[in-house]
Protein backbone atom coordinates (compact mmCIF):
# COMPACT_ATOMS: atom_id res chain seq x y z
CA MET A 1 -11.34 -22.04 5.37
CA ILE A 2 -7.95 -23.48 7.08
CA GLU A 3 -8.86 -24.35 10.58
CA VAL A 4 -6.73 -24.98 13.19
CA ARG A 5 -7.83 -27.28 15.61
CA PRO A 6 -6.42 -27.38 19.36
CA GLY A 7 -4.67 -30.74 19.94
CA GLY A 8 -4.93 -31.78 16.32
CA ARG A 9 -2.69 -34.12 14.54
CA ARG A 10 -1.87 -32.35 11.53
CA ARG A 11 1.31 -30.38 10.99
CA ILE A 12 -0.70 -26.85 10.95
CA ASP A 13 -2.12 -27.84 14.46
CA ARG A 14 1.03 -28.34 15.67
CA VAL A 15 3.11 -25.39 14.21
CA LEU A 16 0.29 -23.09 15.31
CA ALA A 17 -0.55 -24.52 18.89
CA PRO A 18 0.12 -21.96 21.62
CA ASP A 19 2.93 -23.88 23.11
CA TYR A 20 5.04 -25.02 19.93
CA VAL A 21 7.57 -22.07 20.90
CA ASP A 22 7.33 -22.20 24.56
CA ASP A 23 10.56 -22.46 26.53
CA LEU A 24 12.70 -22.54 23.46
CA GLU A 25 15.51 -21.64 26.03
CA GLN A 26 15.30 -24.84 27.34
CA ARG A 27 15.16 -26.64 24.46
CA GLY A 28 18.45 -28.47 22.65
CA LEU A 29 19.32 -26.68 19.64
CA ASN A 30 18.50 -29.71 17.49
CA GLU A 31 15.18 -29.55 18.88
CA VAL A 32 14.54 -25.98 17.91
CA ARG A 33 16.12 -26.60 14.37
CA GLU A 34 13.16 -29.57 13.93
CA LEU A 35 10.54 -27.35 15.00
CA ARG A 36 11.89 -24.62 12.49
CA ASP A 37 12.14 -27.10 9.91
CA GLU A 38 8.77 -28.74 10.32
CA ALA A 39 7.24 -25.00 10.52
CA ALA A 40 9.13 -24.15 7.32
CA GLN A 41 7.62 -26.91 5.40
CA GLU A 42 3.98 -26.22 6.74
CA GLU A 43 4.63 -22.76 5.34
CA THR A 44 6.18 -23.89 1.85
CA ASP A 45 2.80 -26.16 1.68
CA LEU A 46 0.84 -22.99 2.27
CA SER A 47 2.72 -20.96 -0.26
CA TYR A 48 1.97 -23.43 -3.06
CA LEU A 49 -1.91 -23.83 -2.11
CA ARG A 50 -1.99 -20.14 -2.17
CA ARG A 51 -0.42 -20.18 -5.66
CA MET A 52 -2.86 -22.60 -6.51
CA LEU A 53 -5.51 -20.50 -5.37
CA HIS A 54 -4.12 -17.13 -7.07
CA ALA A 55 -3.98 -18.95 -10.54
CA ARG A 56 -7.42 -19.70 -10.22
CA ILE A 57 -8.64 -16.34 -9.16
CA ASP A 58 -6.65 -14.76 -11.81
CA ILE A 59 -8.34 -17.16 -14.69
CA LEU A 60 -11.68 -16.14 -13.30
CA ARG A 61 -10.87 -12.09 -12.82
CA ALA A 62 -9.33 -12.28 -16.55
CA GLU A 63 -12.87 -13.61 -17.83
CA ARG A 64 -14.75 -11.17 -15.59
CA ARG A 65 -12.54 -8.35 -17.31
CA ARG A 66 -12.96 -10.04 -20.86
CA ARG A 67 -16.57 -9.76 -20.50
CA ALA A 68 -16.64 -6.52 -19.11
CA GLU A 69 -14.79 -5.08 -22.08
CA ASN A 70 -16.40 -7.24 -24.93
CA GLY A 71 -13.05 -9.20 -25.47
CA SER A 72 -13.21 -11.49 -28.39
CA ALA A 73 -10.24 -13.57 -27.37
CA SER A 74 -10.70 -16.55 -25.07
CA VAL A 75 -9.40 -16.86 -21.58
CA VAL A 76 -7.64 -19.99 -22.98
CA GLU A 77 -5.97 -18.25 -25.58
CA GLU A 78 -4.99 -15.66 -22.96
CA LEU A 79 -3.71 -17.99 -20.44
CA VAL A 80 0.00 -17.63 -20.56
CA GLY A 81 -0.44 -13.98 -20.22
CA ILE A 82 -3.00 -14.31 -17.38
CA LEU A 83 -0.64 -16.59 -15.29
CA SER A 84 2.66 -14.66 -15.82
CA ASP A 85 1.35 -11.13 -15.09
CA ASN A 86 1.50 -11.70 -11.25
CA VAL A 87 5.05 -13.35 -12.04
CA VAL A 88 6.56 -10.40 -13.30
CA GLY A 89 4.67 -7.89 -11.64
CA PRO A 90 5.96 -6.18 -8.31
CA ALA A 91 6.21 -8.49 -5.35
CA SER A 92 3.63 -8.19 -2.69
CA GLY A 93 2.96 -9.56 0.68
CA SER A 94 5.68 -11.45 2.73
CA GLY A 95 7.28 -14.15 0.21
CA ARG A 96 10.25 -15.78 1.10
CA TYR A 97 12.53 -17.69 -1.17
CA GLN A 98 11.61 -21.12 -0.56
CA THR A 99 14.07 -24.07 -0.25
CA ARG A 100 11.84 -26.89 0.26
CA GLU A 101 9.30 -28.80 -1.93
CA PRO A 102 5.62 -28.89 -1.14
CA SER A 103 4.74 -32.06 0.67
CA ARG A 104 1.24 -32.48 0.11
CA VAL A 105 0.96 -31.36 -3.66
CA GLN A 106 -1.90 -33.76 -4.58
CA ALA A 107 -4.04 -32.75 -1.47
CA HIS A 108 -3.90 -29.00 -2.02
CA ARG A 109 -4.82 -30.17 -5.82
CA ARG A 110 -7.98 -32.00 -4.28
CA HIS A 111 -8.82 -29.32 -1.79
CA VAL A 112 -8.91 -26.25 -4.28
CA GLU A 113 -10.91 -28.39 -6.84
CA ALA A 114 -13.40 -29.46 -4.24
CA LEU A 115 -13.86 -25.72 -3.32
CA VAL A 116 -15.99 -25.32 -6.56
CA SER A 117 -16.85 -28.51 -7.62
CA ASP A 118 -19.29 -27.57 -10.42
CA VAL A 119 -16.98 -24.67 -11.68
CA ASP A 120 -14.68 -26.08 -15.00
CA LEU A 121 -12.21 -23.61 -15.30
CA SER A 122 -11.04 -24.96 -18.87
CA ASP A 123 -14.43 -23.27 -20.27
CA VAL A 124 -15.06 -20.28 -17.89
CA MET A 125 -16.44 -18.64 -20.83
CA SER A 126 -19.64 -20.97 -20.74
CA LEU A 127 -20.22 -19.75 -16.92
CA SER A 128 -23.17 -17.84 -16.29
CA ALA A 129 -22.14 -14.34 -14.46
CA GLU A 130 -23.54 -15.46 -11.00
CA LYS A 131 -21.50 -18.81 -11.23
CA LEU A 132 -18.46 -16.68 -12.25
CA GLU A 133 -18.74 -14.47 -9.27
CA ALA A 134 -19.43 -17.19 -6.95
CA ALA A 135 -16.58 -19.09 -7.73
CA LEU A 136 -14.37 -16.17 -7.68
CA ARG A 137 -15.92 -15.11 -4.25
CA VAL A 138 -15.11 -18.65 -2.81
CA PHE A 139 -11.68 -18.60 -4.05
CA GLU A 140 -10.89 -15.21 -2.93
CA THR A 141 -12.28 -16.27 0.55
CA GLU A 142 -10.04 -19.40 0.85
CA GLU A 143 -6.86 -17.53 -0.28
CA GLU A 144 -7.43 -15.06 2.39
CA SER A 145 -7.97 -17.66 4.83
CA VAL A 146 -4.61 -19.41 3.49
CA SER A 147 -2.68 -16.17 3.51
CA THR A 148 -3.72 -15.46 7.32
CA ARG A 149 -2.56 -18.83 8.33
CA ARG A 150 0.60 -18.48 6.18
CA LYS A 151 1.57 -15.40 7.96
CA GLN A 152 0.75 -17.02 11.37
CA VAL A 153 3.23 -19.80 10.54
CA GLN A 154 5.79 -17.04 9.21
CA THR A 155 6.00 -15.74 12.70
CA VAL A 156 6.60 -19.20 14.29
CA VAL A 157 9.35 -19.73 12.06
CA ASP A 158 10.85 -16.25 12.54
CA ARG A 159 10.42 -16.87 16.16
CA LEU A 160 12.24 -20.14 15.72
CA ASN A 161 15.03 -18.45 13.44
CA GLU A 162 15.59 -15.75 16.22
CA GLU A 163 16.17 -18.62 18.75
CA ILE A 164 18.99 -20.28 16.80
CA ALA A 165 20.60 -17.01 15.89
CA ARG A 166 20.69 -15.89 19.31
CA ARG A 167 22.45 -18.99 20.33
CA TYR A 168 25.16 -18.55 17.63
CA ARG A 169 25.39 -14.68 18.34
CA GLU A 170 25.63 -15.23 22.18
CA GLY A 171 28.11 -18.19 21.86
CA VAL A 172 25.65 -21.02 23.27
CA ALA A 173 25.97 -22.67 19.73
CA SER A 174 28.68 -23.14 17.37
CA VAL A 175 29.20 -23.02 13.89
CA ASP A 176 32.19 -25.45 14.24
CA GLU A 177 29.86 -27.89 15.89
CA LEU A 178 27.27 -27.45 13.10
CA LEU A 179 29.60 -28.12 10.64
CA ALA A 180 30.95 -31.23 12.42
CA ALA A 181 27.46 -32.57 12.72
CA GLU A 182 26.83 -32.05 9.26
CA ARG A 183 29.92 -33.64 7.99
CA ASP A 184 29.11 -36.89 10.39
CA GLY A 185 25.72 -36.98 9.06
CA GLN A 186 23.79 -35.89 11.89
């Protein structure tokens, strides 16, 4: 479960702290952008973690389906199709185009692997029905937790983007100043 620790030092703790978006109107535009960028990076990392969990869930569900249908092809033989089904299917949820790369790839991989440390997904056919179902429950529960936190972070990103847009709309911020700052490398 993705826990948020009040007063914690991790990025998710900061982004989801109740006061993260307090008094935005009094903060400088650069500070609001920095907060938005930090929150957007957290969203990217949570999205990456969620995709990793989805892949494992898809593999386990495919094995469960193979068993129910008395299929002969191994999950490994069907892996490309299993993992591409969600890619070409209809979008669901509140996905967004990500312009950032995940910043904690190895940590996310270790986290997912540690969830069910005794389940080897490279040989799901050898899992007992009980182990298969238990692993699936663990991954699904974790995916729900990650999705919940991701939605919370998206709300923060949206609030920060709204504040930035408000400033431009009301003339408090200027596109010319933004372009000049980018040219100057600030």
